[in-house]
Amino acid sequence: MARPKVGEKLPTRSALKAVQASFDLIDASGMGYREIAKKAGVNLVTLSQWRHGTRAPNLQSLENVLEVLGYELQIVRLRGPGDPS
C-alpha cells in the first residue's frame, strides 16, 4: 500500500472490508476495470485508488459500481442493544 501523505485520512477498517468484498465481485465478474468505471461513472484512477487502499469510496460511488455488477449494498443488523453477544 502506498505511504499516506501528511494529514491524509486513510479508509476505515469497515470501508476496507466493503471495498475488498466489492473487488472480489469485480474480479469474479470478468469485466475490465475500465468498463466498470465507465458504466459506474467513476474515474479509473479513483477505482485503482480504492483497490490499493489509498482512497475510500463514497457510498453512492460504491453503490454505482455494485449496480454495474448486478448487486446492491445493504445494511444488515447483526445484533442490537441488549442482544446477547
Foldseek 3Di string as FASTA:
>chain_A
DDDADVPQDFDDPVLLVLLVVLVVLVVVQPDDLVVLCVQLVHDSVVNVCSVVRVDGDDQSSSQSSQVVSVHGDDDDDPDDPPDDD
